[in-house]
Protein backbone atom coordinates (compact mmCIF):
# COMPACT_ATOMS: atom_id res chain seq x y z
CA UNK A 1 0.00 0.00 0.00
CA UNK A 2 2.01 2.94 1.28
CA UNK A 3 5.63 2.84 2.28
CA UNK A 4 6.93 5.30 4.80
CA UNK A 5 10.38 5.43 3.19
CA UNK A 6 9.04 6.62 -0.17
CA UNK A 7 6.82 9.21 1.52
CA UNK A 8 9.75 10.59 3.52
CA UNK A 9 11.97 10.73 0.42
CA UNK A 10 9.30 12.68 -1.41
CA UNK A 11 8.92 15.06 1.55
CA UNK A 12 12.70 15.55 1.71
CA UNK A 13 12.70 16.47 -1.98
CA UNK A 14 10.02 19.06 -1.32
CA UNK A 15 12.02 20.50 1.59
CA UNK A 16 15.09 20.87 -0.63
CA UNK A 17 13.16 22.84 -3.23
CA UNK A 18 11.71 25.28 -0.68
CA UNK A 19 13.85 28.04 0.76
CA UNK A 20 11.79 29.56 3.56
CA UNK A 21 12.09 28.27 7.12
CA UNK A 22 8.34 28.27 7.69
CA UNK A 23 7.76 25.97 4.73
CA UNK A 24 10.21 23.39 6.07
CA UNK A 25 8.59 23.58 9.53
CA UNK A 26 5.15 22.84 8.09
CA UNK A 27 6.60 19.96 6.05
CA UNK A 28 8.06 18.47 9.23
CA UNK A 29 4.70 18.67 10.93
CA UNK A 30 3.01 16.96 8.01
CA UNK A 31 5.56 14.16 7.94
CA UNK A 32 5.07 13.48 11.66
CA UNK A 33 1.32 13.30 11.13
CA UNK A 34 1.84 11.01 8.14
CA UNK A 35 4.12 8.74 10.14
CA UNK A 36 1.47 8.37 12.82
CA UNK A 37 -1.28 7.75 10.27
CA UNK A 38 0.74 5.05 8.51
CA UNK A 39 1.40 3.35 11.84
CA UNK A 40 -2.28 3.53 12.83
CA UNK A 41 -3.42 2.16 9.46
CA UNK A 42 -1.05 -0.79 9.73
CA UNK A 43 -2.30 -1.52 13.24
CA UNK A 44 -5.92 -1.20 12.10
CA UNK A 45 -5.43 -3.67 9.25
CA UNK A 46 -3.59 -6.12 11.49
CA UNK A 47 -6.34 -6.13 14.13
CA UNK A 48 -9.36 -6.39 11.84
CA UNK A 49 -11.19 -9.73 11.75
CA UNK A 50 -11.23 -11.67 8.48
CA UNK A 51 -14.82 -10.53 7.80
CA UNK A 52 -13.76 -6.88 7.57
CA UNK A 53 -11.79 -5.17 4.81
CA UNK A 54 -10.49 -1.63 4.56
CA UNK A 55 -10.27 0.15 1.22
CA UNK A 56 -8.46 3.46 0.68
CA UNK A 57 -9.80 5.15 -2.48
CA UNK A 58 -6.99 7.71 -2.41
CA UNK A 59 -3.74 6.45 -0.82
CA UNK A 60 -2.68 10.05 -0.18
CA UNK A 61 -5.69 10.63 2.11
CA UNK A 62 -5.40 7.99 4.79
CA UNK A 63 -8.11 9.65 6.88
CA UNK A 64 -10.71 8.75 4.20
CA UNK A 65 -11.40 5.05 3.95
CA UNK A 66 -14.19 2.55 3.42
CA UNK A 67 -14.79 -0.33 5.81
CA UNK A 68 -16.58 -3.36 4.38
CA UNK A 69 -18.08 -5.85 6.82
CA UNK A 70 -19.29 -9.17 5.44
CA UNK A 71 -21.16 -11.87 7.35
PDB file of N, CA and C in Angstrom:
ATOM      1  N   UNK A   1       0.828  -1.184   0.000  1.00  0.00           N
ATOM      2  CA  UNK A   1       0.000   0.000   0.000  1.00  0.00           C
ATOM      3  C   UNK A   1       0.875   1.251   0.000  1.00  0.00           C
ATOM      4  N   UNK A   2       1.213   1.730   1.152  1.00  0.00           N
ATOM      5  CA  UNK A   2       2.012   2.943   1.279  1.00  0.00           C
ATOM      6  C   UNK A   2       3.289   2.603   2.028  1.00  0.00           C
ATOM      7  N   UNK A   3       4.398   3.073   1.538  1.00  0.00           N
ATOM      8  CA  UNK A   3       5.631   2.842   2.276  1.00  0.00           C
ATOM      9  C   UNK A   3       6.109   4.160   2.864  1.00  0.00           C
ATOM     10  N   UNK A   4       6.489   4.106   4.093  1.00  0.00           N
ATOM     11  CA  UNK A   4       6.933   5.298   4.801  1.00  0.00           C
ATOM     12  C   UNK A   4       8.219   5.845   4.194  1.00  0.00           C
ATOM     13  N   UNK A   5       9.102   4.971   3.749  1.00  0.00           N
ATOM     14  CA  UNK A   5      10.379   5.426   3.190  1.00  0.00           C
ATOM     15  C   UNK A   5      10.164   6.275   1.937  1.00  0.00           C
ATOM     16  N   UNK A   6       9.269   5.838   1.047  1.00  0.00           N
ATOM     17  CA  UNK A   6       9.039   6.618  -0.174  1.00  0.00           C
ATOM     18  C   UNK A   6       8.370   7.948   0.139  1.00  0.00           C
ATOM     19  N   UNK A   7       7.484   7.966   1.113  1.00  0.00           N
ATOM     20  CA  UNK A   7       6.821   9.206   1.519  1.00  0.00           C
ATOM     21  C   UNK A   7       7.839  10.194   2.092  1.00  0.00           C
ATOM     22  N   UNK A   8       8.744   9.710   2.925  1.00  0.00           N
ATOM     23  CA  UNK A   8       9.754  10.587   3.521  1.00  0.00           C
ATOM     24  C   UNK A   8      10.727  11.105   2.471  1.00  0.00           C
ATOM     25  N   UNK A   9      11.086  10.267   1.488  1.00  0.00           N
ATOM     26  CA  UNK A   9      11.974  10.727   0.421  1.00  0.00           C
ATOM     27  C   UNK A   9      11.318  11.829  -0.387  1.00  0.00           C
ATOM     28  N   UNK A  10      10.024  11.673  -0.655  1.00  0.00           N
ATOM     29  CA  UNK A  10       9.298  12.684  -1.410  1.00  0.00           C
ATOM     30  C   UNK A  10       9.223  13.981  -0.608  1.00  0.00           C
ATOM     31  N   UNK A  11       8.980  13.872   0.697  1.00  0.00           N
ATOM     32  CA  UNK A  11       8.923  15.060   1.554  1.00  0.00           C
ATOM     33  C   UNK A  11      10.279  15.743   1.635  1.00  0.00           C
ATOM     34  N   UNK A  12      11.363  14.963   1.680  1.00  0.00           N
ATOM     35  CA  UNK A  12      12.704  15.548   1.713  1.00  0.00           C
ATOM     36  C   UNK A  12      12.995  16.295   0.420  1.00  0.00           C
ATOM     37  N   UNK A  13      12.526  15.785  -0.707  1.00  0.00           N
ATOM     38  CA  UNK A  13      12.699  16.474  -1.981  1.00  0.00           C
ATOM     39  C   UNK A  13      11.955  17.792  -2.002  1.00  0.00           C
ATOM     40  N   UNK A  14      10.778  17.816  -1.396  1.00  0.00           N
ATOM     41  CA  UNK A  14      10.020  19.059  -1.319  1.00  0.00           C
ATOM     42  C   UNK A  14      10.715  20.063  -0.416  1.00  0.00           C
ATOM     43  N   UNK A  15      11.303  19.602   0.670  1.00  0.00           N
ATOM     44  CA  UNK A  15      12.018  20.503   1.589  1.00  0.00           C
ATOM     45  C   UNK A  15      13.214  21.136   0.890  1.00  0.00           C
ATOM     46  N   UNK A  16      13.912  20.353   0.068  1.00  0.00           N
ATOM     47  CA  UNK A  16      15.085  20.871  -0.625  1.00  0.00           C
ATOM     48  C   UNK A  16      14.729  21.947  -1.632  1.00  0.00           C
ATOM     49  N   UNK A  17      13.538  21.853  -2.228  1.00  0.00           N
ATOM     50  CA  UNK A  17      13.158  22.842  -3.231  1.00  0.00           C
ATOM     51  C   UNK A  17      12.630  24.131  -2.608  1.00  0.00           C
ATOM     52  N   UNK A  18      12.221  24.090  -1.363  1.00  0.00           N
ATOM     53  CA  UNK A  18      11.711  25.285  -0.681  1.00  0.00           C
ATOM     54  C   UNK A  18      12.849  25.984   0.049  1.00  0.00           C
ATOM     55  N   UNK A  19      12.763  27.307   0.115  1.00  0.00           N
ATOM     56  CA  UNK A  19      13.854  28.043   0.756  1.00  0.00           C
ATOM     57  C   UNK A  19      13.459  28.665   2.076  1.00  0.00           C
ATOM     58  N   UNK A  20      12.179  28.884   2.327  1.00  0.00           N
ATOM     59  CA  UNK A  20      11.795  29.563   3.560  1.00  0.00           C
ATOM     60  C   UNK A  20      11.771  28.595   4.735  1.00  0.00           C
ATOM     61  N   UNK A  21      12.051  29.109   5.915  1.00  0.00           N
ATOM     62  CA  UNK A  21      12.089  28.274   7.118  1.00  0.00           C
ATOM     63  C   UNK A  21      10.696  27.824   7.515  1.00  0.00           C
ATOM     64  N   UNK A  22       9.704  28.644   7.308  1.00  0.00           N
ATOM     65  CA  UNK A  22       8.338  28.269   7.694  1.00  0.00           C
ATOM     66  C   UNK A  22       7.824  27.126   6.838  1.00  0.00           C
ATOM     67  N   UNK A  23       8.195  27.065   5.603  1.00  0.00           N
ATOM     68  CA  UNK A  23       7.758  25.972   4.732  1.00  0.00           C
ATOM     69  C   UNK A  23       8.347  24.651   5.204  1.00  0.00           C
ATOM     70  N   UNK A  24       9.605  24.639   5.602  1.00  0.00           N
ATOM     71  CA  UNK A  24      10.206  23.388   6.066  1.00  0.00           C
ATOM     72  C   UNK A  24       9.618  22.967   7.403  1.00  0.00           C
ATOM     73  N   UNK A  25       9.239  23.916   8.264  1.00  0.00           N
ATOM     74  CA  UNK A  25       8.593  23.580   9.530  1.00  0.00           C
ATOM     75  C   UNK A  25       7.246  22.916   9.285  1.00  0.00           C
ATOM     76  N   UNK A  26       6.454  23.441   8.360  1.00  0.00           N
ATOM     77  CA  UNK A  26       5.152  22.843   8.087  1.00  0.00           C
ATOM     78  C   UNK A  26       5.320  21.467   7.457  1.00  0.00           C
ATOM     79  N   UNK A  27       6.351  21.266   6.647  1.00  0.00           N
ATOM     80  CA  UNK A  27       6.601  19.960   6.050  1.00  0.00           C
ATOM     81  C   UNK A  27       6.971  18.956   7.129  1.00  0.00           C
ATOM     82  N   UNK A  28       7.731  19.366   8.121  1.00  0.00           N
ATOM     83  CA  UNK A  28       8.063  18.468   9.227  1.00  0.00           C
ATOM     84  C   UNK A  28       6.818  18.051   9.978  1.00  0.00           C
ATOM     85  N   UNK A  29       5.935  18.982  10.223  1.00  0.00           N
ATOM     86  CA  UNK A  29       4.698  18.669  10.932  1.00  0.00           C
ATOM     87  C   UNK A  29       3.856  17.679  10.138  1.00  0.00           C
ATOM     88  N   UNK A  30       3.785  17.861   8.853  1.00  0.00           N
ATOM     89  CA  UNK A  30       3.012  16.958   8.007  1.00  0.00           C
ATOM     90  C   UNK A  30       3.625  15.572   8.032  1.00  0.00           C
ATOM     91  N   UNK A  31       4.931  15.472   7.969  1.00  0.00           N
ATOM     92  CA  UNK A  31       5.559  14.159   7.941  1.00  0.00           C
ATOM     93  C   UNK A  31       5.358  13.425   9.262  1.00  0.00           C
ATOM     94  N   UNK A  32       5.332  14.121  10.373  1.00  0.00           N
ATOM     95  CA  UNK A  32       5.071  13.482  11.664  1.00  0.00           C
ATOM     96  C   UNK A  32       3.653  12.944  11.685  1.00  0.00           C
ATOM     97  N   UNK A  33       2.705  13.744  11.197  1.00  0.00           N
ATOM     98  CA  UNK A  33       1.320  13.300  11.130  1.00  0.00           C
ATOM     99  C   UNK A  33       1.204  12.085  10.218  1.00  0.00           C
ATOM    100  N   UNK A  34       1.893  12.129   9.074  1.00  0.00           N
ATOM    101  CA  UNK A  34       1.838  11.010   8.137  1.00  0.00           C
ATOM    102  C   UNK A  34       2.445   9.750   8.738  1.00  0.00           C
ATOM    103  N   UNK A  35       3.515   9.906   9.488  1.00  0.00           N
ATOM    104  CA  UNK A  35       4.119   8.739  10.143  1.00  0.00           C
ATOM    105  C   UNK A  35       3.129   8.086  11.102  1.00  0.00           C
ATOM    106  N   UNK A  36       2.445   8.911  11.872  1.00  0.00           N
ATOM    107  CA  UNK A  36       1.472   8.374  12.821  1.00  0.00           C
ATOM    108  C   UNK A  36       0.292   7.717  12.106  1.00  0.00           C
ATOM    109  N   UNK A  37      -0.177   8.325  11.022  1.00  0.00           N
ATOM    110  CA  UNK A  37      -1.277   7.747  10.268  1.00  0.00           C
ATOM    111  C   UNK A  37      -0.901   6.399   9.656  1.00  0.00           C
ATOM    112  N   UNK A  38       0.290   6.305   9.106  1.00  0.00           N
ATOM    113  CA  UNK A  38       0.739   5.049   8.508  1.00  0.00           C
ATOM    114  C   UNK A  38       0.809   3.959   9.577  1.00  0.00           C
ATOM    115  N   UNK A  39       1.308   4.309  10.739  1.00  0.00           N
ATOM    116  CA  UNK A  39       1.398   3.347  11.839  1.00  0.00           C
ATOM    117  C   UNK A  39       0.003   2.908  12.291  1.00  0.00           C
ATOM    118  N   UNK A  40      -0.913   3.852  12.414  1.00  0.00           N
ATOM    119  CA  UNK A  40      -2.277   3.532  12.829  1.00  0.00           C
ATOM    120  C   UNK A  40      -2.988   2.670  11.787  1.00  0.00           C
ATOM    121  N   UNK A  41      -2.791   2.945  10.514  1.00  0.00           N
ATOM    122  CA  UNK A  41      -3.424   2.156   9.457  1.00  0.00           C
ATOM    123  C   UNK A  41      -2.905   0.725   9.482  1.00  0.00           C
ATOM    124  N   UNK A  42      -1.615   0.556   9.653  1.00  0.00           N
ATOM    125  CA  UNK A  42      -1.049  -0.791   9.726  1.00  0.00           C
ATOM    126  C   UNK A  42      -1.614  -1.551  10.918  1.00  0.00           C
ATOM    127  N   UNK A  43      -1.738  -0.884  12.048  1.00  0.00           N
ATOM    128  CA  UNK A  43      -2.300  -1.515  13.241  1.00  0.00           C
ATOM    129  C   UNK A  43      -3.776  -1.851  13.028  1.00  0.00           C
ATOM    130  N   UNK A  44      -4.511  -0.962  12.390  1.00  0.00           N
ATOM    131  CA  UNK A  44      -5.923  -1.204  12.097  1.00  0.00           C
ATOM    132  C   UNK A  44      -6.094  -2.434  11.226  1.00  0.00           C
ATOM    133  N   UNK A  45      -5.319  -2.530  10.160  1.00  0.00           N
ATOM    134  CA  UNK A  45      -5.430  -3.666   9.252  1.00  0.00           C
ATOM    135  C   UNK A  45      -5.015  -4.972   9.920  1.00  0.00           C
ATOM    136  N   UNK A  46      -4.050  -4.909  10.811  1.00  0.00           N
ATOM    137  CA  UNK A  46      -3.589  -6.119  11.494  1.00  0.00           C
ATOM    138  C   UNK A  46      -4.624  -6.629  12.500  1.00  0.00           C
ATOM    139  N   UNK A  47      -5.401  -5.737  13.086  1.00  0.00           N
ATOM    140  CA  UNK A  47      -6.344  -6.131  14.125  1.00  0.00           C
ATOM    141  C   UNK A  47      -7.763  -6.368  13.632  1.00  0.00           C
ATOM    142  N   UNK A  48      -8.021  -6.163  12.355  1.00  0.00           N
ATOM    143  CA  UNK A  48      -9.362  -6.393  11.836  1.00  0.00           C
ATOM    144  C   UNK A  48      -9.638  -7.891  11.691  1.00  0.00           C
ATOM    145  N   UNK A  49     -10.861  -8.319  11.987  1.00  0.00           N
ATOM    146  CA  UNK A  49     -11.194  -9.731  11.754  1.00  0.00           C
ATOM    147  C   UNK A  49     -11.253 -10.025  10.254  1.00  0.00           C
ATOM    148  N   UNK A  50     -11.269 -11.285   9.901  1.00  0.00           N
ATOM    149  CA  UNK A  50     -11.235 -11.669   8.484  1.00  0.00           C
ATOM    150  C   UNK A  50     -12.514 -11.272   7.743  1.00  0.00           C
ATOM    151  N   UNK A  51     -13.578 -10.944   8.446  1.00  0.00           N
ATOM    152  CA  UNK A  51     -14.825 -10.535   7.803  1.00  0.00           C
ATOM    153  C   UNK A  51     -14.847  -9.053   7.457  1.00  0.00           C
ATOM    154  N   UNK A  52     -13.823  -8.320   7.829  1.00  0.00           N
ATOM    155  CA  UNK A  52     -13.756  -6.881   7.565  1.00  0.00           C
ATOM    156  C   UNK A  52     -12.589  -6.570   6.633  1.00  0.00           C
ATOM    157  N   UNK A  53     -12.837  -5.622   5.723  1.00  0.00           N
ATOM    158  CA  UNK A  53     -11.786  -5.175   4.811  1.00  0.00           C
ATOM    159  C   UNK A  53     -11.811  -3.658   4.745  1.00  0.00           C
ATOM    160  N   UNK A  54     -10.623  -3.079   4.662  1.00  0.00           N
ATOM    161  CA  UNK A  54     -10.487  -1.630   4.561  1.00  0.00           C
ATOM    162  C   UNK A  54     -10.006  -1.304   3.155  1.00  0.00           C
ATOM    163  N   UNK A  55     -10.652  -0.301   2.561  1.00  0.00           N
ATOM    164  CA  UNK A  55     -10.271   0.153   1.217  1.00  0.00           C
ATOM    165  C   UNK A  55      -9.991   1.645   1.277  1.00  0.00           C
ATOM    166  N   UNK A  56      -8.846   2.055   0.744  1.00  0.00           N
ATOM    167  CA  UNK A  56      -8.461   3.464   0.680  1.00  0.00           C
ATOM    168  C   UNK A  56      -8.582   3.930  -0.767  1.00  0.00           C
ATOM    169  N   UNK A  57      -9.641   4.687  -1.099  1.00  0.00           N
ATOM    170  CA  UNK A  57      -9.805   5.150  -2.483  1.00  0.00           C
ATOM    171  C   UNK A  57      -8.639   6.014  -2.951  1.00  0.00           C
ATOM    172  N   UNK A  58      -8.135   6.862  -2.079  1.00  0.00           N
ATOM    173  CA  UNK A  58      -6.994   7.714  -2.407  1.00  0.00           C
ATOM    174  C   UNK A  58      -5.891   7.441  -1.390  1.00  0.00           C
ATOM    175  N   UNK A  59      -4.798   6.786  -1.791  1.00  0.00           N
ATOM    176  CA  UNK A  59      -3.741   6.447  -0.823  1.00  0.00           C
ATOM    177  C   UNK A  59      -3.058   7.662  -0.203  1.00  0.00           C
ATOM    178  N   UNK A  60      -3.259   8.843  -0.761  1.00  0.00           N
ATOM    179  CA  UNK A  60      -2.681  10.050  -0.176  1.00  0.00           C
ATOM    180  C   UNK A  60      -3.545  10.630   0.926  1.00  0.00           C
ATOM    181  N   UNK A  61      -4.778  10.162   1.058  1.00  0.00           N
ATOM    182  CA  UNK A  61      -5.690  10.627   2.105  1.00  0.00           C
ATOM    183  C   UNK A  61      -6.051   9.444   2.990  1.00  0.00           C
ATOM    184  N   UNK A  62      -5.189   9.150   3.935  1.00  0.00           N
ATOM    185  CA  UNK A  62      -5.404   7.990   4.793  1.00  0.00           C
ATOM    186  C   UNK A  62      -6.550   8.185   5.774  1.00  0.00           C
ATOM    187  N   UNK A  63      -7.000   9.411   5.969  1.00  0.00           N
ATOM    188  CA  UNK A  63      -8.111   9.650   6.884  1.00  0.00           C
ATOM    189  C   UNK A  63      -9.456   9.339   6.231  1.00  0.00           C
ATOM    190  N   UNK A  64      -9.485   9.128   4.917  1.00  0.00           N
ATOM    191  CA  UNK A  64     -10.714   8.754   4.201  1.00  0.00           C
ATOM    192  C   UNK A  64     -10.587   7.302   3.762  1.00  0.00           C
ATOM    193  N   UNK A  65     -11.435   6.453   4.316  1.00  0.00           N
ATOM    194  CA  UNK A  65     -11.395   5.049   3.953  1.00  0.00           C
ATOM    195  C   UNK A  65     -12.789   4.453   4.010  1.00  0.00           C
ATOM    196  N   UNK A  66     -12.935   3.272   3.401  1.00  0.00           N
ATOM    197  CA  UNK A  66     -14.194   2.549   3.416  1.00  0.00           C
ATOM    198  C   UNK A  66     -13.973   1.231   4.137  1.00  0.00           C
ATOM    199  N   UNK A  67     -14.848   0.927   5.064  1.00  0.00           N
ATOM    200  CA  UNK A  67     -14.787  -0.327   5.808  1.00  0.00           C
ATOM    201  C   UNK A  67     -15.924  -1.208   5.323  1.00  0.00           C
ATOM    202  N   UNK A  68     -15.599  -2.414   4.862  1.00  0.00           N
ATOM    203  CA  UNK A  68     -16.583  -3.361   4.382  1.00  0.00           C
ATOM    204  C   UNK A  68     -16.661  -4.512   5.371  1.00  0.00           C
ATOM    205  N   UNK A  69     -17.866  -4.764   5.873  1.00  0.00           N
ATOM    206  CA  UNK A  69     -18.085  -5.852   6.820  1.00  0.00           C
ATOM    207  C   UNK A  69     -18.980  -6.871   6.143  1.00  0.00           C
ATOM    208  N   UNK A  70     -18.513  -8.099   6.047  1.00  0.00           N
ATOM    209  CA  UNK A  70     -19.291  -9.171   5.437  1.00  0.00           C
ATOM    210  C   UNK A  70     -19.624 -10.216   6.499  1.00  0.00           C
ATOM    211  N   UNK A  71     -20.779 -10.854   6.358  1.00  0.00           N
ATOM    212  CA  UNK A  71     -21.158 -11.873   7.348  1.00  0.00           C
ATOM    213  C   UNK A  71     -20.334 -13.147   7.252  1.00  0.00           C
TER     214      UNK A  71
END
